[in-house]
C-alpha atoms as a PDB file:
ATOM      1  CA  MET A   1     -51.544 -83.151 -17.839  1.00  0.00           C
ATOM      2  CA  LYS A   2     -50.103 -84.134 -14.480  1.00  0.00           C
ATOM      3  CA  ARG A   3     -47.448 -86.661 -13.540  1.00  0.00           C
ATOM      4  CA  GLU A   4     -49.838 -88.362 -11.115  1.00  0.00           C
ATOM      5  CA  GLU A   5     -52.268 -89.073 -13.954  1.00  0.00           C
ATOM      6  CA  LEU A   6     -49.485 -90.642 -15.998  1.00  0.00           C
ATOM      7  CA  ARG A   7     -48.353 -92.761 -13.041  1.00  0.00           C
ATOM      8  CA  ALA A   8     -51.941 -93.932 -12.599  1.00  0.00           C
ATOM      9  CA  LEU A   9     -51.863 -95.109 -16.219  1.00  0.00           C
ATOM     10  CA  GLY A  10     -48.900 -97.327 -15.329  1.00  0.00           C
ATOM     11  CA  LEU A  11     -46.137 -95.392 -17.107  1.00  0.00           C
ATOM     12  CA  THR A  12     -42.550 -95.618 -15.865  1.00  0.00           C
ATOM     13  CA  GLU A  13     -40.691 -92.520 -14.685  1.00  0.00           C
ATOM     14  CA  GLU A  14     -38.650 -92.497 -17.893  1.00  0.00           C
ATOM     15  CA  GLN A  15     -41.823 -92.613 -20.011  1.00  0.00           C
ATOM     16  CA  ILE A  16     -43.389 -89.880 -17.887  1.00  0.00           C
ATOM     17  CA  GLU A  17     -40.325 -87.657 -18.435  1.00  0.00           C
ATOM     18  CA  LYS A  18     -40.542 -88.144 -22.205  1.00  0.00           C
ATOM     19  CA  VAL A  19     -44.280 -87.388 -22.251  1.00  0.00           C
ATOM     20  CA  MET A  20     -43.774 -84.262 -20.131  1.00  0.00           C
ATOM     21  CA  ALA A  21     -40.905 -83.079 -22.366  1.00  0.00           C
ATOM     22  CA  GLU A  22     -43.058 -83.449 -25.508  1.00  0.00           C
ATOM     23  CA  HIS A  23     -45.957 -81.756 -23.760  1.00  0.00           C
ATOM     24  CA  GLY A  24     -43.653 -78.877 -22.780  1.00  0.00           C
ATOM     25  CA  LYS A  25     -42.485 -78.469 -26.389  1.00  0.00           C
ATOM     26  CA  SER A  26     -46.062 -78.256 -27.668  1.00  0.00           C
ATOM     27  CA  LEU A  27     -46.943 -75.700 -24.965  1.00  0.00           C
ATOM     28  CA  THR A  28     -43.913 -73.618 -25.916  1.00  0.00           C
ATOM     29  CA  GLU A  29     -44.995 -73.631 -29.564  1.00  0.00           C
ATOM     30  CA  VAL A  30     -48.569 -72.619 -28.724  1.00  0.00           C
ATOM     31  CA  ASN A  31     -47.363 -69.846 -26.406  1.00  0.00           C
ATOM     32  CA  ALA A  32     -45.001 -68.517 -29.081  1.00  0.00           C
ATOM     33  CA  LYS A  33     -47.792 -68.391 -31.671  1.00  0.00           C
ATOM     34  CA  LEU A  34     -50.099 -66.685 -29.188  1.00  0.00           C
ATOM     35  CA  SER A  35     -47.435 -64.122 -28.356  1.00  0.00           C
ATOM     36  CA  ALA A  36     -46.832 -63.383 -32.052  1.00  0.00           C
ATOM     37  CA  ALA A  37     -50.572 -62.959 -32.660  1.00  0.00           C
ATOM     38  CA  GLU A  38     -50.925 -60.599 -29.686  1.00  0.00           C
ATOM     39  CA  GLU A  39     -48.000 -58.482 -30.893  1.00  0.00           C
ATOM     40  CA  SER A  40     -49.529 -58.290 -34.374  1.00  0.00           C
ATOM     41  CA  LYS A  41     -52.892 -57.264 -32.952  1.00  0.00           C
ATOM     42  CA  LYS A  42     -51.365 -54.480 -30.830  1.00  0.00           C
ATOM     43  CA  ALA A  43     -49.388 -53.140 -33.791  1.00  0.00           C
ATOM     44  CA  LEU A  44     -52.490 -53.128 -36.027  1.00  0.00           C
ATOM     45  CA  GLU A  45     -54.572 -51.348 -33.388  1.00  0.00           C
ATOM     46  CA  THR A  46     -51.898 -48.670 -33.011  1.00  0.00           C
ATOM     47  CA  GLN A  47     -51.662 -48.230 -36.757  1.00  0.00           C
ATOM     48  CA  LEU A  48     -55.464 -47.974 -37.121  1.00  0.00           C
ATOM     49  CA  ALA A  49     -55.704 -45.346 -34.371  1.00  0.00           C
ATOM     50  CA  ALA A  50     -52.988 -43.258 -36.056  1.00  0.00           C
ATOM     51  CA  ARG A  51     -54.806 -43.433 -39.412  1.00  0.00           C
ATOM     52  CA  ASP A  52     -58.130 -42.398 -37.856  1.00  0.00           C
ATOM     53  CA  LYS A  53     -56.430 -39.400 -36.257  1.00  0.00           C
ATOM     54  CA  ASP A  54     -54.808 -38.424 -39.570  1.00  0.00           C
ATOM     55  CA  ILE A  55     -58.142 -38.637 -41.446  1.00  0.00           C
ATOM     56  CA  LYS A  56     -59.827 -36.377 -38.879  1.00  0.00           C
ATOM     57  CA  GLU A  57     -57.036 -33.827 -39.274  1.00  0.00           C
ATOM     58  CA  LEU A  58     -57.354 -34.083 -43.044  1.00  0.00           C
ATOM     59  CA  LYS A  59     -61.086 -33.310 -42.892  1.00  0.00           C
ATOM     60  CA  LYS A  60     -60.464 -30.295 -40.634  1.00  0.00           C
ATOM     61  CA  GLY A  61     -57.763 -28.878 -42.862  1.00  0.00           C
ATOM     62  CA  SER A  62     -59.452 -29.333 -46.218  1.00  0.00           C
ATOM     63  CA  GLU A  63     -60.033 -25.615 -46.875  1.00  0.00           C
ATOM     64  CA  ASP A  64     -57.517 -25.265 -49.678  1.00  0.00           C
ATOM     65  CA  ASN A  65     -57.351 -27.892 -52.437  1.00  0.00           C
ATOM     66  CA  ALA A  66     -53.598 -27.485 -53.074  1.00  0.00           C
ATOM     67  CA  GLU A  67     -52.890 -27.820 -49.384  1.00  0.00           C
ATOM     68  CA  LEU A  68     -55.185 -30.872 -49.274  1.00  0.00           C
ATOM     69  CA  THR A  69     -53.359 -32.542 -52.154  1.00  0.00           C
ATOM     70  CA  LYS A  70     -50.004 -31.920 -50.491  1.00  0.00           C
ATOM     71  CA  LYS A  71     -51.230 -33.296 -47.183  1.00  0.00           C
ATOM     72  CA  TYR A  72     -52.741 -36.328 -48.947  1.00  0.00           C
ATOM     73  CA  GLU A  73     -49.434 -37.102 -50.648  1.00  0.00           C
ATOM     74  CA  GLU A  74     -47.554 -36.755 -47.379  1.00  0.00           C
ATOM     75  CA  LEU A  75     -49.970 -39.102 -45.619  1.00  0.00           C
ATOM     76  CA  GLU A  76     -49.841 -41.606 -48.457  1.00  0.00           C
ATOM     77  CA  SER A  77     -46.049 -41.658 -48.295  1.00  0.00           C
ATOM     78  CA  LYS A  78     -46.155 -41.968 -44.515  1.00  0.00           C
ATOM     79  CA  TYR A  79     -48.619 -44.896 -44.688  1.00  0.00           C
ATOM     80  CA  LYS A  80     -46.531 -46.727 -47.266  1.00  0.00           C
ATOM     81  CA  GLN A  81     -43.475 -46.411 -45.019  1.00  0.00           C
ATOM     82  CA  GLU A  82     -45.457 -47.515 -41.948  1.00  0.00           C
ATOM     83  CA  LYS A  83     -46.807 -50.503 -43.853  1.00  0.00           C
ATOM     84  CA  ALA A  84     -43.312 -51.541 -44.963  1.00  0.00           C
ATOM     85  CA  ASP A  85     -41.989 -51.082 -41.409  1.00  0.00           C
ATOM     86  CA  TYR A  86     -44.887 -53.086 -39.974  1.00  0.00           C
ATOM     87  CA  GLU A  87     -44.427 -55.940 -42.456  1.00  0.00           C
ATOM     88  CA  GLN A  88     -40.719 -56.072 -41.610  1.00  0.00           C
ATOM     89  CA  GLN A  89     -41.547 -56.076 -37.894  1.00  0.00           C
ATOM     90  CA  ILE A  90     -43.960 -58.997 -38.396  1.00  0.00           C
ATOM     91  CA  LYS A  91     -41.316 -60.910 -40.382  1.00  0.00           C
ATOM     92  CA  ASP A  92     -38.713 -60.297 -37.665  1.00  0.00           C
ATOM     93  CA  THR A  93     -41.121 -61.364 -34.917  1.00  0.00           C
ATOM     94  CA  ASN A  94     -42.115 -64.537 -36.763  1.00  0.00           C
ATOM     95  CA  LEU A  95     -38.471 -65.362 -37.489  1.00  0.00           C
ATOM     96  CA  ASN A  96     -37.513 -64.834 -33.830  1.00  0.00           C
ATOM     97  CA  HIS A  97     -40.324 -67.089 -32.646  1.00  0.00           C
ATOM     98  CA  ALA A  98     -39.441 -69.769 -35.199  1.00  0.00           C
ATOM     99  CA  VAL A  99     -35.791 -69.680 -34.108  1.00  0.00           C
ATOM    100  CA  ASP A 100     -36.794 -69.820 -30.430  1.00  0.00           C
ATOM    101  CA  LEU A 101     -39.007 -72.851 -31.114  1.00  0.00           C
ATOM    102  CA  ALA A 102     -36.247 -74.590 -33.038  1.00  0.00           C
ATOM    103  CA  LEU A 103     -33.731 -73.922 -30.257  1.00  0.00           C
ATOM    104  CA  ALA A 104     -36.029 -74.907 -27.377  1.00  0.00           C
ATOM    105  CA  GLY A 105     -34.497 -77.774 -25.437  1.00  0.00           C
ATOM    106  CA  LYS A 106     -31.282 -77.705 -27.498  1.00  0.00           C
ATOM    107  CA  VAL A 107     -29.514 -74.707 -25.944  1.00  0.00           C
ATOM    108  CA  HIS A 108     -29.137 -73.242 -22.481  1.00  0.00           C
ATOM    109  CA  ASP A 109     -30.062 -69.665 -23.471  1.00  0.00           C
ATOM    110  CA  THR A 110     -31.955 -69.030 -26.715  1.00  0.00           C
ATOM    111  CA  ASN A 111     -31.328 -65.265 -26.604  1.00  0.00           C
ATOM    112  CA  ILE A 112     -27.538 -65.698 -26.587  1.00  0.00           C
ATOM    113  CA  VAL A 113     -27.576 -68.253 -29.406  1.00  0.00           C
ATOM    114  CA  ARG A 114     -30.063 -66.182 -31.453  1.00  0.00           C
ATOM    115  CA  GLY A 115     -27.701 -63.197 -31.103  1.00  0.00           C
ATOM    116  CA  LEU A 116     -24.818 -65.258 -32.518  1.00  0.00           C
ATOM    117  CA  LEU A 117     -26.774 -66.308 -35.612  1.00  0.00           C
ATOM    118  CA  ASP A 118     -26.398 -64.529 -38.960  1.00  0.00           C
ATOM    119  CA  ARG A 119     -30.001 -63.430 -39.574  1.00  0.00           C
ATOM    120  CA  SER A 120     -29.309 -62.726 -43.249  1.00  0.00           C
ATOM    121  CA  LYS A 121     -28.809 -66.465 -43.799  1.00  0.00           C
ATOM    122  CA  LEU A 122     -32.081 -67.452 -42.080  1.00  0.00           C
ATOM    123  CA  THR A 123     -35.275 -67.871 -44.085  1.00  0.00           C
ATOM    124  CA  LEU A 124     -38.856 -68.517 -43.060  1.00  0.00           C
ATOM    125  CA  ASP A 125     -41.359 -69.638 -45.673  1.00  0.00           C
ATOM    126  CA  ASP A 126     -45.160 -69.240 -45.599  1.00  0.00           C
ATOM    127  CA  LYS A 127     -45.579 -72.657 -43.968  1.00  0.00           C
ATOM    128  CA  GLY A 128     -43.302 -71.675 -41.072  1.00  0.00           C
ATOM    129  CA  THR A 129     -40.346 -73.801 -42.200  1.00  0.00           C
ATOM    130  CA  LEU A 130     -37.069 -72.333 -41.016  1.00  0.00           C
ATOM    131  CA  GLY A 131     -34.088 -72.567 -43.365  1.00  0.00           C
ATOM    132  CA  GLY A 132     -30.402 -71.969 -42.788  1.00  0.00           C
ATOM    133  CA  LEU A 133     -30.480 -72.659 -39.057  1.00  0.00           C
ATOM    134  CA  GLU A 134     -29.018 -76.171 -38.938  1.00  0.00           C
ATOM    135  CA  GLU A 135     -25.838 -75.170 -40.784  1.00  0.00           C
ATOM    136  CA  GLN A 136     -25.221 -72.290 -38.392  1.00  0.00           C
ATOM    137  CA  LEU A 137     -25.969 -74.439 -35.338  1.00  0.00           C
ATOM    138  CA  LYS A 138     -23.392 -77.026 -36.459  1.00  0.00           C
ATOM    139  CA  GLY A 139     -20.743 -74.310 -36.607  1.00  0.00           C
ATOM    140  CA  LEU A 140     -21.733 -72.957 -33.202  1.00  0.00           C
ATOM    141  CA  GLN A 141     -21.699 -76.441 -31.658  1.00  0.00           C
ATOM    142  CA  GLU A 142     -18.128 -76.877 -32.816  1.00  0.00           C
ATOM    143  CA  SER A 143     -16.909 -73.462 -31.657  1.00  0.00           C
ATOM    144  CA  LYS A 144     -19.138 -72.838 -28.598  1.00  0.00           C
ATOM    145  CA  SER A 145     -20.371 -76.230 -27.460  1.00  0.00           C
ATOM    146  CA  PHE A 146     -20.961 -74.958 -23.900  1.00  0.00           C
ATOM    147  CA  LEU A 147     -24.095 -73.162 -25.143  1.00  0.00           C
ATOM    148  CA  PHE A 148     -25.772 -76.451 -26.059  1.00  0.00           C
ATOM    149  CA  VAL A 149     -27.551 -78.924 -23.820  1.00  0.00           C
ATOM    150  CA  SER A 150     -25.777 -82.263 -23.913  1.00  0.00           C
ATOM    151  CA  GLU A 151     -27.975 -85.314 -24.111  1.00  0.00           C
ATOM    152  CA  PRO A 152     -26.624 -88.411 -22.385  1.00  0.00           C
ATOM    153  CA  SER A 153     -26.577 -91.391 -24.694  1.00  0.00           C
ATOM    154  CA  PRO A 154     -28.275 -94.574 -23.463  1.00  0.00           C
ATOM    155  CA  ALA A 155     -24.919 -96.400 -23.601  1.00  0.00           C
ATOM    156  CA  THR A 156     -23.243 -93.938 -21.223  1.00  0.00           C
ATOM    157  CA  LYS A 157     -26.152 -93.622 -18.846  1.00  0.00           C
ATOM    158  CA  GLN A 158     -25.248 -95.469 -15.654  1.00  0.00           C
ATOM    159  CA  GLU A 159     -27.573 -96.923 -13.109  1.00  0.00           C
ATOM    160  CA  PRO A 160     -26.683 -96.029  -9.522  1.00  0.00           C
ATOM    161  CA  SER A 161     -24.709 -98.667  -7.693  1.00  0.00           C
ATOM    162  CA  PHE A 162     -23.664 -99.001  -4.095  1.00  0.00           C
ATOM    163  CA  SER A 163     -20.431-100.524  -2.946  1.00  0.00           C
ATOM    164  CA  GLY A 164     -18.475-100.634   0.227  1.00  0.00           C
ATOM    165  CA  ALA A 165     -16.918-102.879   2.808  1.00  0.00           C
ATOM    166  CA  THR A 166     -18.571-106.148   3.750  1.00  0.00           C
ATOM    167  CA  PRO A 167     -19.402-106.245   7.471  1.00  0.00           C
ATOM    168  CA  SER A 168     -17.267-108.656   9.469  1.00  0.00           C
ATOM    169  CA  GLY A 169     -18.838-111.932  10.451  1.00  0.00           C
ATOM    170  CA  THR A 170     -21.052-112.201   7.390  1.00  0.00           C
ATOM    171  CA  GLY A 171     -18.866-114.657   5.568  1.00  0.00           C
ATOM    172  CA  GLY A 172     -18.682-112.447   2.487  1.00  0.00           C
ATOM    173  CA  THR A 173     -22.423-112.375   1.937  1.00  0.00           C
ATOM    174  CA  THR A 174     -24.436-109.219   2.385  1.00  0.00           C
ATOM    175  CA  PRO A 175     -27.485-109.637   4.604  1.00  0.00           C
ATOM    176  CA  SER A 176     -30.737-108.055   3.566  1.00  0.00           C
ATOM    177  CA  SER A 177     -31.229-104.502   4.807  1.00  0.00           C
ATOM    178  CA  GLY A 178     -33.945-105.686   7.212  1.00  0.00           C
ATOM    179  CA  GLN A 179     -31.722-108.403   8.673  1.00  0.00           C
ATOM    180  CA  ALA A 180     -28.809-105.959   8.992  1.00  0.00           C
ATOM    181  CA  PHE A 181     -31.057-103.601  10.967  1.00  0.00           C
ATOM    182  CA  ILE A 182     -32.214-106.384  13.283  1.00  0.00           C
ATOM    183  CA  ASP A 183     -28.638-107.588  13.818  1.00  0.00           C
ATOM    184  CA  ALA A 184     -27.435-104.069  14.630  1.00  0.00           C
ATOM    185  CA  PHE A 185     -30.296-103.525  17.070  1.00  0.00           C
ATOM    186  CA  THR A 186     -29.947-106.844  18.894  1.00  0.00           C
ATOM    187  CA  ALA A 187     -26.123-106.744  19.077  1.00  0.00           C
ATOM    188  CA  ASP A 188     -26.183-104.756  22.316  1.00  0.00           C
ATOM    189  CA  LEU A 189     -28.891-106.827  24.025  1.00  0.00           C
ATOM    190  CA  PRO A 190     -27.830-109.369  26.662  1.00  0.00           C
ATOM    191  CA  THR A 191     -28.231-112.935  25.483  1.00  0.00           C
ATOM    192  CA  THR A 192     -30.189-115.421  27.625  1.00  0.00           C
ATOM    193  CA  LYS A 193     -29.326-119.075  27.736  1.00  0.00           C
END
């Protein structure tokens, strides 16, 4: 979506900014989900390759049954640990992405704020709902407000205004900018009577 298309639809600059901000948020969310899926895929592919290698070694070394049983138990223990590590890695990745999405547009640097959060108090349910973040953000806003983006309120937003001296000879009225240009240009010309 381009700004020119929105202007062609007759939207004001303020409306265009709001549309672009919302569009940016949705793109950030989609990119975060894509990144999490790609990381999960890479981790699964690595894990699958390691298991295939271990099975081939197991087939080669299956001469002695006692040795085979020992190797099987070692591999089973190793796989259980890898599975637990992988599940924790997925949880951490999903939590990081959820926190980044929640912080997008609210803070100047998500990595700094994420590092200040107590991860043990953050929860992420199956639906992707993040819990415990708002309470921590309130505390950080009070103690480290410089990390947060301040949003100007509509009441404090000022329209630009121009002021200055009134040119002499105008009788206190300001001529239009076109008339002022003409007057300045013709001031040096000789007058004919």
